[in-house]
Structure formats: C-alpha cells, structure tokens
Amino acid sequence: MDIASLSTSLSQSSLSQAVGIKVLSLSKDMAEQQGQQLAEMLKQAPHPTLGSTLDIRA
C-alpha cells in the first residue's frame, strides 16, 4: 500500500469517527431535552399525586 492511499484511508476513518461522535452527541442532547420536558410535564399534572407511583404488579 502506498502512502497516498494509506493517508486517504486514515482520513476517511477519522472523518467517519468524527461524524459518529457528533451524531451521538446530538442524540444525547435530544434525550436530555426530552427528559427535561417529561419532568416538567409531570410537574404540571392536574392531580398532585398523578404519576408519583407506578403499579407494576401483573
């Protein structure tokens, strides 16, 4: 393998990794925002105890 093709391969690998990290970062930010919105929505529930307990019995 010559140096030019090795350089191109490494550059593509680096770009692919950077894109993957950016997508994961955007996904994490979106999940945090949705979590905050859900917490806010539960605070504004019409009944004060609504959503405070979870019945998981089958």
N, C-alpha and C. Protein backbone atom coordinates (compact mmCIF):
# COMPACT_ATOMS: atom_id res chain seq x y z
N MET A 1 0.86 -1.17 0.00
CA MET A 1 0.00 0.00 0.00
C MET A 1 0.90 1.23 0.00
N ASP A 2 0.60 2.14 -0.86
CA ASP A 2 1.43 3.35 -0.91
C ASP A 2 0.96 4.39 0.11
N ILE A 3 1.75 5.40 0.30
CA ILE A 3 1.50 6.41 1.33
C ILE A 3 0.23 7.21 1.03
N ALA A 4 -0.04 7.51 -0.22
CA ALA A 4 -1.22 8.30 -0.58
C ALA A 4 -2.50 7.55 -0.23
N SER A 5 -2.57 6.28 -0.55
CA SER A 5 -3.80 5.53 -0.24
C SER A 5 -3.93 5.30 1.27
N LEU A 6 -2.83 5.12 1.95
CA LEU A 6 -2.86 4.99 3.41
C LEU A 6 -3.36 6.28 4.05
N SER A 7 -2.89 7.40 3.57
CA SER A 7 -3.32 8.69 4.08
C SER A 7 -4.81 8.91 3.85
N THR A 8 -5.29 8.56 2.67
CA THR A 8 -6.71 8.71 2.34
C THR A 8 -7.55 7.81 3.23
N SER A 9 -7.10 6.59 3.44
CA SER A 9 -7.82 5.65 4.29
C SER A 9 -7.92 6.15 5.73
N LEU A 10 -6.81 6.65 6.25
CA LEU A 10 -6.81 7.18 7.62
C LEU A 10 -7.70 8.42 7.74
N SER A 11 -7.70 9.25 6.74
CA SER A 11 -8.53 10.44 6.74
C SER A 11 -10.01 10.08 6.74
N GLN A 12 -10.38 9.09 5.93
CA GLN A 12 -11.77 8.65 5.87
C GLN A 12 -12.19 8.03 7.19
N SER A 13 -11.31 7.28 7.79
CA SER A 13 -11.60 6.67 9.09
C SER A 13 -11.81 7.75 10.16
N SER A 14 -10.96 8.75 10.14
CA SER A 14 -11.06 9.84 11.09
C SER A 14 -12.36 10.62 10.90
N LEU A 15 -12.73 10.86 9.67
CA LEU A 15 -13.97 11.57 9.38
C LEU A 15 -15.18 10.75 9.84
N SER A 16 -15.15 9.47 9.57
CA SER A 16 -16.24 8.59 9.98
C SER A 16 -16.41 8.59 11.50
N GLN A 17 -15.30 8.56 12.21
CA GLN A 17 -15.34 8.58 13.66
C GLN A 17 -15.88 9.93 14.16
N ALA A 18 -15.47 11.02 13.57
CA ALA A 18 -15.94 12.34 13.98
C ALA A 18 -17.44 12.49 13.74
N VAL A 19 -17.92 11.97 12.62
CA VAL A 19 -19.36 12.03 12.33
C VAL A 19 -20.13 11.20 13.34
N GLY A 20 -19.63 10.02 13.66
CA GLY A 20 -20.29 9.16 14.65
C GLY A 20 -20.38 9.83 16.01
N ILE A 21 -19.32 10.48 16.42
CA ILE A 21 -19.31 11.17 17.71
C ILE A 21 -20.31 12.32 17.71
N LYS A 22 -20.39 13.06 16.61
CA LYS A 22 -21.32 14.18 16.51
C LYS A 22 -22.76 13.69 16.58
N VAL A 23 -23.06 12.59 15.89
CA VAL A 23 -24.43 12.04 15.91
C VAL A 23 -24.78 11.58 17.32
N LEU A 24 -23.86 10.92 18.00
CA LEU A 24 -24.12 10.50 19.38
C LEU A 24 -24.33 11.70 20.30
N SER A 25 -23.57 12.76 20.08
CA SER A 25 -23.72 13.97 20.88
C SER A 25 -25.09 14.60 20.68
N LEU A 26 -25.53 14.67 19.42
CA LEU A 26 -26.85 15.22 19.13
C LEU A 26 -27.95 14.36 19.75
N SER A 27 -27.78 13.05 19.68
CA SER A 27 -28.75 12.13 20.25
C SER A 27 -28.83 12.30 21.77
N LYS A 28 -27.68 12.44 22.42
CA LYS A 28 -27.63 12.64 23.87
C LYS A 28 -28.32 13.95 24.26
N ASP A 29 -28.05 15.01 23.52
CA ASP A 29 -28.67 16.30 23.80
C ASP A 29 -30.19 16.22 23.66
N MET A 30 -30.66 15.52 22.63
CA MET A 30 -32.09 15.37 22.40
C MET A 30 -32.74 14.57 23.53
N ALA A 31 -32.08 13.51 23.99
CA ALA A 31 -32.61 12.70 25.08
C ALA A 31 -32.69 13.51 26.38
N GLU A 32 -31.68 14.33 26.64
CA GLU A 32 -31.70 15.18 27.83
C GLU A 32 -32.86 16.18 27.76
N GLN A 33 -33.06 16.77 26.60
CA GLN A 33 -34.14 17.74 26.42
C GLN A 33 -35.49 17.07 26.61
N GLN A 34 -35.68 15.88 26.06
CA GLN A 34 -36.94 15.17 26.21
C GLN A 34 -37.18 14.78 27.67
N GLY A 35 -36.12 14.42 28.37
CA GLY A 35 -36.24 14.10 29.79
C GLY A 35 -36.67 15.30 30.61
N GLN A 36 -36.11 16.46 30.30
CA GLN A 36 -36.50 17.68 31.00
C GLN A 36 -37.95 18.04 30.71
N GLN A 37 -38.36 17.86 29.46
CA GLN A 37 -39.75 18.15 29.09
C GLN A 37 -40.70 17.20 29.80
N LEU A 38 -40.34 15.93 29.91
CA LEU A 38 -41.18 14.96 30.61
C LEU A 38 -41.30 15.31 32.08
N ALA A 39 -40.20 15.69 32.71
CA ALA A 39 -40.23 16.08 34.12
C ALA A 39 -41.12 17.31 34.31
N GLU A 40 -41.02 18.26 33.42
CA GLU A 40 -41.86 19.46 33.50
C GLU A 40 -43.33 19.11 33.31
N MET A 41 -43.60 18.21 32.39
CA MET A 41 -44.98 17.80 32.13
C MET A 41 -45.56 17.10 33.36
N LEU A 42 -44.76 16.28 34.05
CA LEU A 42 -45.26 15.60 35.24
C LEU A 42 -45.51 16.58 36.38
N LYS A 43 -44.73 17.66 36.44
CA LYS A 43 -44.95 18.67 37.47
C LYS A 43 -46.27 19.40 37.26
N GLN A 44 -46.70 19.51 36.01
CA GLN A 44 -47.91 20.25 35.69
C GLN A 44 -49.14 19.35 35.61
N ALA A 45 -49.04 18.14 36.15
CA ALA A 45 -50.16 17.19 36.11
C ALA A 45 -51.35 17.77 36.86
N PRO A 46 -52.57 17.48 36.42
CA PRO A 46 -53.75 18.05 37.06
C PRO A 46 -53.97 17.58 38.49
N HIS A 47 -53.50 16.43 38.85
CA HIS A 47 -53.65 15.92 40.22
C HIS A 47 -52.27 15.83 40.84
N PRO A 48 -52.10 16.29 42.09
CA PRO A 48 -50.75 16.37 42.67
C PRO A 48 -50.03 15.02 42.81
N THR A 49 -50.77 13.91 42.95
CA THR A 49 -50.09 12.62 43.10
C THR A 49 -50.06 11.83 41.80
N LEU A 50 -50.62 12.37 40.75
CA LEU A 50 -50.64 11.67 39.47
C LEU A 50 -49.21 11.50 38.93
N GLY A 51 -48.85 10.27 38.67
CA GLY A 51 -47.54 9.99 38.14
C GLY A 51 -46.47 9.79 39.19
N SER A 52 -46.83 9.88 40.47
CA SER A 52 -45.84 9.72 41.51
C SER A 52 -45.61 8.26 41.89
N THR A 53 -46.55 7.39 41.53
CA THR A 53 -46.38 5.97 41.81
C THR A 53 -46.59 5.17 40.54
N LEU A 54 -46.05 3.97 40.55
CA LEU A 54 -46.15 3.11 39.38
C LEU A 54 -46.49 1.71 39.88
N ASP A 55 -47.63 1.18 39.44
CA ASP A 55 -48.06 -0.15 39.81
C ASP A 55 -47.56 -1.13 38.76
N ILE A 56 -46.61 -1.99 39.14
CA ILE A 56 -46.04 -2.91 38.16
C ILE A 56 -46.48 -4.36 38.41
N ARG A 57 -47.49 -4.54 39.27
CA ARG A 57 -48.00 -5.90 39.51
C ARG A 57 -48.69 -6.41 38.26
N ALA A 58 -48.53 -7.70 38.00
CA ALA A 58 -49.16 -8.30 36.82
C ALA A 58 -50.56 -8.78 37.14
